[in-house]
Amino acid sequence: MDMRFGSTGSWMPLKRSVTIDPQCLRMHEQSAYLDQTVLGKPLDQVFGWKMDYPSRSYHIWKGTLPESPSKGTHTVTVRTTDMFGQTYTACRIVRIR
C-alpha cells in the first residue's frame, strides 16, 4: 500500500500497524452508557448485547507526511493492489494551517 501527498508527489510506502482501531476504542470508552438501566433492567439486557473490548486490527496502515508541507489544501491519495492485480485508489482532502 502506498500514499502520495499532493497531485504530483512521489508514492511512499505505508507500513501496516497491528493495533486497536482508535475509533472502535473511542466507542468502547463511551459504552459506560450501556451500564444504565431502563425500568430496572440493564441496557445490555434490553438490547441483547454488550460491546466487547476492541480487538487488534490488521487493516490499519501508517505513513508520514512530507517534512514541511506548505500551508493550504492538499490531497492525500492512497493506492493498493489486491491479490488479483486490481489497483484501487482513494483520496482525502487535508488542510495544513
PDB file of N, CA and C in Angstrom:
ATOM      1  N   MET A   1       0.855  -1.157   0.000  1.00  0.00           N
ATOM      2  CA  MET A   1       0.000   0.000   0.000  1.00  0.00           C
ATOM      3  C   MET A   1       0.906   1.226   0.000  1.00  0.00           C
ATOM      4  N   ASP A   2       0.535   2.214  -0.805  1.00  0.00           N
ATOM      5  CA  ASP A   2       1.323   3.439  -0.952  1.00  0.00           C
ATOM      6  C   ASP A   2       0.429   4.655  -0.779  1.00  0.00           C
ATOM      7  N   MET A   3       1.088   5.792  -0.511  1.00  0.00           N
ATOM      8  CA  MET A   3       0.355   7.062  -0.459  1.00  0.00           C
ATOM      9  C   MET A   3       1.153   8.137  -1.176  1.00  0.00           C
ATOM     10  N   ARG A   4       0.422   9.144  -1.631  1.00  0.00           N
ATOM     11  CA  ARG A   4       1.046  10.290  -2.296  1.00  0.00           C
ATOM     12  C   ARG A   4       0.428  11.551  -1.720  1.00  0.00           C
ATOM     13  N   PHE A   5       1.273  12.513  -1.375  1.00  0.00           N
ATOM     14  CA  PHE A   5       0.817  13.802  -0.854  1.00  0.00           C
ATOM     15  C   PHE A   5       0.804  14.789  -1.993  1.00  0.00           C
ATOM     16  N   GLY A   6      -0.346  15.357  -2.288  1.00  0.00           N
ATOM     17  CA  GLY A   6      -0.463  16.280  -3.409  1.00  0.00           C
ATOM     18  C   GLY A   6      -0.660  15.511  -4.709  1.00  0.00           C
ATOM     19  N   SER A   7      -0.894  16.246  -5.763  1.00  0.00           N
ATOM     20  CA  SER A   7      -1.177  15.585  -7.043  1.00  0.00           C
ATOM     21  C   SER A   7       0.080  15.186  -7.799  1.00  0.00           C
ATOM     22  N   THR A   8       1.225  15.728  -7.395  1.00  0.00           N
ATOM     23  CA  THR A   8       2.455  15.408  -8.126  1.00  0.00           C
ATOM     24  C   THR A   8       3.531  14.799  -7.232  1.00  0.00           C
ATOM     25  N   GLY A   9       3.219  14.551  -5.973  1.00  0.00           N
ATOM     26  CA  GLY A   9       4.211  13.978  -5.069  1.00  0.00           C
ATOM     27  C   GLY A   9       4.579  12.555  -5.456  1.00  0.00           C
ATOM     28  N   SER A  10       5.676  12.070  -4.922  1.00  0.00           N
ATOM     29  CA  SER A  10       6.084  10.696  -5.216  1.00  0.00           C
ATOM     30  C   SER A  10       5.339   9.728  -4.294  1.00  0.00           C
ATOM     31  N   TRP A  11       5.174   8.504  -4.755  1.00  0.00           N
ATOM     32  CA  TRP A  11       4.488   7.485  -3.970  1.00  0.00           C
ATOM     33  C   TRP A  11       5.413   7.008  -2.862  1.00  0.00           C
ATOM     34  N   MET A  12       4.862   6.916  -1.642  1.00  0.00           N
ATOM     35  CA  MET A  12       5.638   6.471  -0.477  1.00  0.00           C
ATOM     36  C   MET A  12       4.945   5.251   0.121  1.00  0.00           C
ATOM     37  N   PRO A  13       5.713   4.244   0.519  1.00  0.00           N
ATOM     38  CA  PRO A  13       5.085   3.048   1.090  1.00  0.00           C
ATOM     39  C   PRO A  13       4.474   3.339   2.461  1.00  0.00           C
ATOM     40  N   LEU A  14       3.361   2.690   2.743  1.00  0.00           N
ATOM     41  CA  LEU A  14       2.741   2.751   4.057  1.00  0.00           C
ATOM     42  C   LEU A  14       3.129   1.481   4.812  1.00  0.00           C
ATOM     43  N   LYS A  15       3.132   1.555   6.111  1.00  0.00           N
ATOM     44  CA  LYS A  15       3.536   0.423   6.932  1.00  0.00           C
ATOM     45  C   LYS A  15       2.322  -0.082   7.716  1.00  0.00           C
ATOM     46  N   ARG A  16       2.101  -1.399   7.676  1.00  0.00           N
ATOM     47  CA  ARG A  16       0.992  -1.988   8.424  1.00  0.00           C
ATOM     48  C   ARG A  16       1.236  -1.814   9.914  1.00  0.00           C
ATOM     49  N   SER A  17       0.180  -1.457  10.623  1.00  0.00           N
ATOM     50  CA  SER A  17       0.252  -1.265  12.070  1.00  0.00           C
ATOM     51  C   SER A  17      -0.829  -2.124  12.716  1.00  0.00           C
ATOM     52  N   VAL A  18      -0.418  -3.186  13.388  1.00  0.00           N
ATOM     53  CA  VAL A  18      -1.378  -4.058  14.065  1.00  0.00           C
ATOM     54  C   VAL A  18      -1.670  -3.443  15.427  1.00  0.00           C
ATOM     55  N   THR A  19      -2.837  -2.835  15.538  1.00  0.00           N
ATOM     56  CA  THR A  19      -3.201  -2.101  16.745  1.00  0.00           C
ATOM     57  C   THR A  19      -4.719  -2.026  16.865  1.00  0.00           C
ATOM     58  N   ILE A  20      -5.191  -1.559  17.984  1.00  0.00           N
ATOM     59  CA  ILE A  20      -6.632  -1.355  18.165  1.00  0.00           C
ATOM     60  C   ILE A  20      -7.044  -0.122  17.374  1.00  0.00           C
ATOM     61  N   ASP A  21      -8.121  -0.251  16.632  1.00  0.00           N
ATOM     62  CA  ASP A  21      -8.645   0.869  15.856  1.00  0.00           C
ATOM     63  C   ASP A  21      -9.056   1.979  16.826  1.00  0.00           C
ATOM     64  N   PRO A  22      -8.475   3.185  16.697  1.00  0.00           N
ATOM     65  CA  PRO A  22      -8.793   4.267  17.639  1.00  0.00           C
ATOM     66  C   PRO A  22     -10.278   4.617  17.680  1.00  0.00           C
ATOM     67  N   GLN A  23     -10.970   4.514  16.563  1.00  0.00           N
ATOM     68  CA  GLN A  23     -12.398   4.835  16.530  1.00  0.00           C
ATOM     69  C   GLN A  23     -13.196   3.802  17.329  1.00  0.00           C
ATOM     70  N   CYS A  24     -12.844   2.522  17.190  1.00  0.00           N
ATOM     71  CA  CYS A  24     -13.526   1.474  17.969  1.00  0.00           C
ATOM     72  C   CYS A  24     -13.253   1.665  19.458  1.00  0.00           C
ATOM     73  N   LEU A  25     -12.031   2.047  19.798  1.00  0.00           N
ATOM     74  CA  LEU A  25     -11.687   2.272  21.199  1.00  0.00           C
ATOM     75  C   LEU A  25     -12.496   3.431  21.779  1.00  0.00           C
ATOM     76  N   ARG A  26     -12.658   4.516  20.992  1.00  0.00           N
ATOM     77  CA  ARG A  26     -13.475   5.655  21.447  1.00  0.00           C
ATOM     78  C   ARG A  26     -14.923   5.224  21.706  1.00  0.00           C
ATOM     79  N   MET A  27     -15.464   4.413  20.806  1.00  0.00           N
ATOM     80  CA  MET A  27     -16.836   3.940  21.011  1.00  0.00           C
ATOM     81  C   MET A  27     -16.920   3.084  22.272  1.00  0.00           C
ATOM     82  N   HIS A  28     -15.922   2.245  22.499  1.00  0.00           N
ATOM     83  CA  HIS A  28     -15.925   1.395  23.678  1.00  0.00           C
ATOM     84  C   HIS A  28     -15.856   2.227  24.959  1.00  0.00           C
ATOM     85  N   GLU A  29     -15.055   3.285  24.923  1.00  0.00           N
ATOM     86  CA  GLU A  29     -14.944   4.150  26.093  1.00  0.00           C
ATOM     87  C   GLU A  29     -16.270   4.822  26.426  1.00  0.00           C
ATOM     88  N   GLN A  30     -17.115   4.989  25.433  1.00  0.00           N
ATOM     89  CA  GLN A  30     -18.431   5.586  25.663  1.00  0.00           C
ATOM     90  C   GLN A  30     -19.477   4.537  26.031  1.00  0.00           C
ATOM     91  N   SER A  31     -19.088   3.270  26.065  1.00  0.00           N
ATOM     92  CA  SER A  31     -20.061   2.218  26.344  1.00  0.00           C
ATOM     93  C   SER A  31     -20.520   2.217  27.795  1.00  0.00           C
ATOM     94  N   ALA A  32     -19.949   3.077  28.629  1.00  0.00           N
ATOM     95  CA  ALA A  32     -20.435   3.175  30.013  1.00  0.00           C
ATOM     96  C   ALA A  32     -21.915   3.532  30.030  1.00  0.00           C
ATOM     97  N   TYR A  33     -22.395   4.181  28.977  1.00  0.00           N
ATOM     98  CA  TYR A  33     -23.816   4.491  28.882  1.00  0.00           C
ATOM     99  C   TYR A  33     -24.655   3.207  28.847  1.00  0.00           C
ATOM    100  N   LEU A  34     -24.055   2.120  28.380  1.00  0.00           N
ATOM    101  CA  LEU A  34     -24.777   0.850  28.337  1.00  0.00           C
ATOM    102  C   LEU A  34     -24.954   0.247  29.720  1.00  0.00           C
ATOM    103  N   ASP A  35     -24.263   0.785  30.725  1.00  0.00           N
ATOM    104  CA  ASP A  35     -24.417   0.300  32.090  1.00  0.00           C
ATOM    105  C   ASP A  35     -25.631   0.923  32.770  1.00  0.00           C
ATOM    106  N   GLN A  36     -26.323   1.813  32.077  1.00  0.00           N
ATOM    107  CA  GLN A  36     -27.529   2.439  32.623  1.00  0.00           C
ATOM    108  C   GLN A  36     -28.657   1.410  32.682  1.00  0.00           C
ATOM    109  N   THR A  37     -29.695   1.732  33.411  1.00  0.00           N
ATOM    110  CA  THR A  37     -30.843   0.830  33.495  1.00  0.00           C
ATOM    111  C   THR A  37     -32.092   1.512  32.947  1.00  0.00           C
ATOM    112  N   VAL A  38     -32.982   0.705  32.419  1.00  0.00           N
ATOM    113  CA  VAL A  38     -34.278   1.158  31.922  1.00  0.00           C
ATOM    114  C   VAL A  38     -35.333   0.289  32.602  1.00  0.00           C
ATOM    115  N   LEU A  39     -36.190   0.934  33.369  1.00  0.00           N
ATOM    116  CA  LEU A  39     -37.222   0.209  34.113  1.00  0.00           C
ATOM    117  C   LEU A  39     -36.611  -0.905  34.952  1.00  0.00           C
ATOM    118  N   GLY A  40     -35.435  -0.597  35.547  1.00  0.00           N
ATOM    119  CA  GLY A  40     -34.778  -1.547  36.432  1.00  0.00           C
ATOM    120  C   GLY A  40     -34.005  -2.648  35.729  1.00  0.00           C
ATOM    121  N   LYS A  41     -33.903  -2.591  34.415  1.00  0.00           N
ATOM    122  CA  LYS A  41     -33.199  -3.619  33.653  1.00  0.00           C
ATOM    123  C   LYS A  41     -31.957  -3.007  32.993  1.00  0.00           C
ATOM    124  N   PRO A  42     -30.784  -3.665  33.104  1.00  0.00           N
ATOM    125  CA  PRO A  42     -29.588  -3.133  32.429  1.00  0.00           C
ATOM    126  C   PRO A  42     -29.815  -3.051  30.914  1.00  0.00           C
ATOM    127  N   LEU A  43     -29.279  -1.975  30.292  1.00  0.00           N
ATOM    128  CA  LEU A  43     -29.480  -1.774  28.854  1.00  0.00           C
ATOM    129  C   LEU A  43     -28.965  -2.936  28.016  1.00  0.00           C
ATOM    130  N   ASP A  44     -27.852  -3.566  28.445  1.00  0.00           N
ATOM    131  CA  ASP A  44     -27.348  -4.671  27.631  1.00  0.00           C
ATOM    132  C   ASP A  44     -28.364  -5.811  27.578  1.00  0.00           C
ATOM    133  N   GLN A  45     -29.180  -5.962  28.614  1.00  0.00           N
ATOM    134  CA  GLN A  45     -30.237  -6.978  28.570  1.00  0.00           C
ATOM    135  C   GLN A  45     -31.391  -6.521  27.687  1.00  0.00           C
ATOM    136  N   VAL A  46     -31.669  -5.211  27.711  1.00  0.00           N
ATOM    137  CA  VAL A  46     -32.726  -4.678  26.844  1.00  0.00           C
ATOM    138  C   VAL A  46     -32.325  -4.838  25.381  1.00  0.00           C
ATOM    139  N   PHE A  47     -31.071  -4.479  25.058  1.00  0.00           N
ATOM    140  CA  PHE A  47     -30.584  -4.579  23.673  1.00  0.00           C
ATOM    141  C   PHE A  47     -30.252  -6.011  23.278  1.00  0.00           C
ATOM    142  N   GLY A  48     -29.871  -6.814  24.256  1.00  0.00           N
ATOM    143  CA  GLY A  48     -29.488  -8.194  23.954  1.00  0.00           C
ATOM    144  C   GLY A  48     -28.005  -8.348  23.650  1.00  0.00           C
ATOM    145  N   TRP A  49     -27.216  -7.320  23.893  1.00  0.00           N
ATOM    146  CA  TRP A  49     -25.773  -7.401  23.655  1.00  0.00           C
ATOM    147  C   TRP A  49     -25.053  -6.370  24.499  1.00  0.00           C
ATOM    148  N   LYS A  50     -23.762  -6.588  24.685  1.00  0.00           N
ATOM    149  CA  LYS A  50     -22.896  -5.610  25.337  1.00  0.00           C
ATOM    150  C   LYS A  50     -21.634  -5.512  24.486  1.00  0.00           C
ATOM    151  N   MET A  51     -21.121  -4.324  24.354  1.00  0.00           N
ATOM    152  CA  MET A  51     -19.965  -4.106  23.496  1.00  0.00           C
ATOM    153  C   MET A  51     -18.720  -4.798  24.062  1.00  0.00           C
ATOM    154  N   ASP A  52     -18.072  -5.615  23.236  1.00  0.00           N
ATOM    155  CA  ASP A  52     -16.821  -6.255  23.631  1.00  0.00           C
ATOM    156  C   ASP A  52     -15.680  -5.259  23.563  1.00  0.00           C
ATOM    157  N   TYR A  53     -14.598  -5.558  24.273  1.00  0.00           N
ATOM    158  CA  TYR A  53     -13.410  -4.716  24.170  1.00  0.00           C
ATOM    159  C   TYR A  53     -12.865  -4.850  22.753  1.00  0.00           C
ATOM    160  N   PRO A  54     -12.452  -3.762  22.114  1.00  0.00           N
ATOM    161  CA  PRO A  54     -11.977  -3.827  20.730  1.00  0.00           C
ATOM    162  C   PRO A  54     -10.755  -4.738  20.592  1.00  0.00           C
ATOM    163  N   SER A  55     -10.746  -5.508  19.535  1.00  0.00           N
ATOM    164  CA  SER A  55      -9.609  -6.384  19.260  1.00  0.00           C
ATOM    165  C   SER A  55      -8.610  -5.676  18.354  1.00  0.00           C
ATOM    166  N   ARG A  56      -7.443  -6.275  18.209  1.00  0.00           N
ATOM    167  CA  ARG A  56      -6.430  -5.686  17.326  1.00  0.00           C
ATOM    168  C   ARG A  56      -6.877  -5.786  15.873  1.00  0.00           C
ATOM    169  N   SER A  57      -6.590  -4.745  15.125  1.00  0.00           N
ATOM    170  CA  SER A  57      -6.944  -4.699  13.716  1.00  0.00           C
ATOM    171  C   SER A  57      -5.692  -4.867  12.870  1.00  0.00           C
ATOM    172  N   TYR A  58      -5.836  -5.600  11.779  1.00  0.00           N
ATOM    173  CA  TYR A  58      -4.738  -5.788  10.834  1.00  0.00           C
ATOM    174  C   TYR A  58      -4.943  -4.922   9.586  1.00  0.00           C
ATOM    175  N   HIS A  59      -5.869  -3.977   9.660  1.00  0.00           N
ATOM    176  CA  HIS A  59      -6.234  -3.160   8.497  1.00  0.00           C
ATOM    177  C   HIS A  59      -5.916  -1.686   8.696  1.00  0.00           C
ATOM    178  N   ILE A  60      -4.931  -1.393   9.540  1.00  0.00           N
ATOM    179  CA  ILE A  60      -4.533  -0.009   9.759  1.00  0.00           C
ATOM    180  C   ILE A  60      -3.122   0.168   9.199  1.00  0.00           C
ATOM    181  N   TRP A  61      -2.969   1.167   8.364  1.00  0.00           N
ATOM    182  CA  TRP A  61      -1.687   1.451   7.731  1.00  0.00           C
ATOM    183  C   TRP A  61      -1.271   2.867   8.104  1.00  0.00           C
ATOM    184  N   LYS A  62       0.023   3.067   8.301  1.00  0.00           N
ATOM    185  CA  LYS A  62       0.524   4.382   8.712  1.00  0.00           C
ATOM    186  C   LYS A  62       1.603   4.863   7.760  1.00  0.00           C
ATOM    187  N   GLY A  63       1.672   6.176   7.625  1.00  0.00           N
ATOM    188  CA  GLY A  63       2.702   6.815   6.822  1.00  0.00           C
ATOM    189  C   GLY A  63       2.958   8.200   7.384  1.00  0.00           C
ATOM    190  N   THR A  64       3.968   8.840   6.875  1.00  0.00           N
ATOM    191  CA  THR A  64       4.268  10.191   7.334  1.00  0.00           C
ATOM    192  C   THR A  64       4.107  11.173   6.182  1.00  0.00           C
ATOM    193  N   LEU A  65       3.634  12.341   6.531  1.00  0.00           N
ATOM    194  CA  LEU A  65       3.512  13.409   5.537  1.00  0.00           C
ATOM    195  C   LEU A  65       4.893  13.998   5.281  1.00  0.00           C
ATOM    196  N   PRO A  66       5.067  14.721   4.194  1.00  0.00           N
ATOM    197  CA  PRO A  66       6.342  15.386   3.952  1.00  0.00           C
ATOM    198  C   PRO A  66       6.741  16.253   5.144  1.00  0.00           C
ATOM    199  N   GLU A  67       8.026  16.467   5.301  1.00  0.00           N
ATOM    200  CA  GLU A  67       8.542  17.154   6.485  1.00  0.00           C
ATOM    201  C   GLU A  67       7.991  18.564   6.682  1.00  0.00           C
ATOM    202  N   SER A  68       7.943  19.364   5.652  1.00  0.00           N
ATOM    203  CA  SER A  68       7.453  20.741   5.780  1.00  0.00           C
ATOM    204  C   SER A  68       6.441  21.047   4.680  1.00  0.00           C
ATOM    205  N   PRO A  69       5.233  20.497   4.796  1.00  0.00           N
ATOM    206  CA  PRO A  69       4.255  20.779   3.738  1.00  0.00           C
ATOM    207  C   PRO A  69       3.839  22.243   3.760  1.00  0.00           C
ATOM    208  N   SER A  70       3.541  22.779   2.597  1.00  0.00           N
ATOM    209  CA  SER A  70       3.111  24.173   2.530  1.00  0.00           C
ATOM    210  C   SER A  70       1.702  24.305   3.093  1.00  0.00           C
ATOM    211  N   LYS A  71       1.404  25.499   3.625  1.00  0.00           N
ATOM    212  CA  LYS A  71       0.067  25.754   4.143  1.00  0.00           C
ATOM    213  C   LYS A  71      -0.921  25.717   2.992  1.00  0.00           C
ATOM    214  N   GLY A  72      -2.125  25.276   3.292  1.00  0.00           N
ATOM    215  CA  GLY A  72      -3.161  25.233   2.273  1.00  0.00           C
ATOM    216  C   GLY A  72      -3.854  23.876   2.229  1.00  0.00           C
ATOM    217  N   THR A  73      -4.603  23.686   1.166  1.00  0.00           N
ATOM    218  CA  THR A  73      -5.381  22.463   0.984  1.00  0.00           C
ATOM    219  C   THR A  73      -4.642  21.529   0.041  1.00  0.00           C
ATOM    220  N   HIS A  74      -4.570  20.262   0.429  1.00  0.00           N
ATOM    221  CA  HIS A  74      -3.846  19.255  -0.345  1.00  0.00           C
ATOM    222  C   HIS A  74      -4.672  17.975  -0.406  1.00  0.00           C
ATOM    223  N   THR A  75      -4.309  17.106  -1.317  1.00  0.00           N
ATOM    224  CA  THR A  75      -4.918  15.781  -1.354  1.00  0.00           C
ATOM    225  C   THR A  75      -3.896  14.754  -0.870  1.00  0.00           C
ATOM    226  N   VAL A  76      -4.409  13.730  -0.226  1.00  0.00           N
ATOM    227  CA  VAL A  76      -3.613  12.554   0.116  1.00  0.00           C
ATOM    228  C   VAL A  76      -4.286  11.399  -0.609  1.00  0.00           C
ATOM    229  N   THR A  77      -3.541  10.732  -1.475  1.00  0.00           N
ATOM    230  CA  THR A  77      -4.073   9.619  -2.252  1.00  0.00           C
ATOM    231  C   THR A  77      -3.429   8.338  -1.766  1.00  0.00           C
ATOM    232  N   VAL A  78      -4.241   7.326  -1.570  1.00  0.00           N
ATOM    233  CA  VAL A  78      -3.763   6.013  -1.150  1.00  0.00           C
ATOM    234  C   VAL A  78      -4.099   5.034  -2.262  1.00  0.00           C
ATOM    235  N   ARG A  79      -3.157   4.119  -2.546  1.00  0.00           N
ATOM    236  CA  ARG A  79      -3.434   3.102  -3.560  1.00  0.00           C
ATOM    237  C   ARG A  79      -3.012   1.741  -3.024  1.00  0.00           C
ATOM    238  N   THR A  80      -3.732   0.751  -3.456  1.00  0.00           N
ATOM    239  CA  THR A  80      -3.426  -0.623  -3.078  1.00  0.00           C
ATOM    240  C   THR A  80      -3.741  -1.535  -4.252  1.00  0.00           C
ATOM    241  N   THR A  81      -3.117  -2.667  -4.275  1.00  0.00           N
ATOM    242  CA  THR A  81      -3.357  -3.661  -5.318  1.00  0.00           C
ATOM    243  C   THR A  81      -3.772  -4.957  -4.642  1.00  0.00           C
ATOM    244  N   ASP A  82      -4.882  -5.528  -5.094  1.00  0.00           N
ATOM    245  CA  ASP A  82      -5.362  -6.764  -4.475  1.00  0.00           C
ATOM    246  C   ASP A  82      -4.663  -7.992  -5.060  1.00  0.00           C
ATOM    247  N   MET A  83      -5.042  -9.158  -4.564  1.00  0.00           N
ATOM    248  CA  MET A  83      -4.383 -10.404  -4.976  1.00  0.00           C
ATOM    249  C   MET A  83      -4.628 -10.756  -6.435  1.00  0.00           C
ATOM    250  N   PHE A  84      -5.574 -10.087  -7.090  1.00  0.00           N
ATOM    251  CA  PHE A  84      -5.866 -10.344  -8.484  1.00  0.00           C
ATOM    252  C   PHE A  84      -5.220  -9.320  -9.413  1.00  0.00           C
ATOM    253  N   GLY A  85      -4.413  -8.434  -8.838  1.00  0.00           N
ATOM    254  CA  GLY A  85      -3.725  -7.427  -9.631  1.00  0.00           C
ATOM    255  C   GLY A  85      -4.537  -6.173  -9.902  1.00  0.00           C
ATOM    256  N   GLN A  86      -5.717  -6.056  -9.301  1.00  0.00           N
ATOM    257  CA  GLN A  86      -6.544  -4.867  -9.480  1.00  0.00           C
ATOM    258  C   GLN A  86      -6.052  -3.768  -8.535  1.00  0.00           C
ATOM    259  N   THR A  87      -5.837  -2.577  -9.072  1.00  0.00           N
ATOM    260  CA  THR A  87      -5.364  -1.449  -8.271  1.00  0.00           C
ATOM    261  C   THR A  87      -6.523  -0.526  -7.945  1.00  0.00           C
ATOM    262  N   TYR A  88      -6.570  -0.083  -6.689  1.00  0.00           N
ATOM    263  CA  TYR A  88      -7.619   0.807  -6.215  1.00  0.00           C
ATOM    264  C   TYR A  88      -6.977   2.034  -5.592  1.00  0.00           C
ATOM    265  N   THR A  89      -7.626   3.178  -5.762  1.00  0.00           N
ATOM    266  CA  THR A  89      -7.143   4.415  -5.146  1.00  0.00           C
ATOM    267  C   THR A  89      -8.288   5.109  -4.428  1.00  0.00           C
ATOM    268  N   ALA A  90      -7.929   5.879  -3.417  1.00  0.00           N
ATOM    269  CA  ALA A  90      -8.898   6.693  -2.684  1.00  0.00           C
ATOM    270  C   ALA A  90      -8.179   7.970  -2.267  1.00  0.00           C
ATOM    271  N   CYS A  91      -8.917   9.073  -2.170  1.00  0.00           N
ATOM    272  CA  CYS A  91      -8.324  10.368  -1.834  1.00  0.00           C
ATOM    273  C   CYS A  91      -9.012  10.986  -0.628  1.00  0.00           C
ATOM    274  N   ARG A  92      -8.258  11.773   0.087  1.00  0.00           N
ATOM    275  CA  ARG A  92      -8.772  12.609   1.173  1.00  0.00           C
ATOM    276  C   ARG A  92      -8.214  14.004   0.977  1.00  0.00           C
ATOM    277  N   ILE A  93      -8.978  14.982   1.367  1.00  0.00           N
ATOM    278  CA  ILE A  93      -8.508  16.365   1.327  1.00  0.00           C
ATOM    279  C   ILE A  93      -8.092  16.739   2.731  1.00  0.00           C
ATOM    280  N   VAL A  94      -6.901  17.303   2.862  1.00  0.00           N
ATOM    281  CA  VAL A  94      -6.388  17.746   4.168  1.00  0.00           C
ATOM    282  C   VAL A  94      -6.022  19.225   4.055  1.00  0.00           C
ATOM    283  N   ARG A  95      -6.104  19.902   5.183  1.00  0.00           N
ATOM    284  CA  ARG A  95      -5.734  21.312   5.210  1.00  0.00           C
ATOM    285  C   ARG A  95      -4.598  21.498   6.210  1.00  0.00           C
ATOM    286  N   ILE A  96      -3.536  22.135   5.764  1.00  0.00           N
ATOM    287  CA  ILE A  96      -2.376  22.439   6.615  1.00  0.00           C
ATOM    288  C   ILE A  96      -2.506  23.898   6.997  1.00  0.00           C
ATOM    289  N   ARG A  97      -2.461  24.182   8.295  1.00  0.00           N
ATOM    290  CA  ARG A  97      -2.565  25.567   8.777  1.00  0.00           C
ATOM    291  C   ARG A  97      -1.228  26.081   9.189  1.00  0.00           C
TER     292      ARG A  97
END
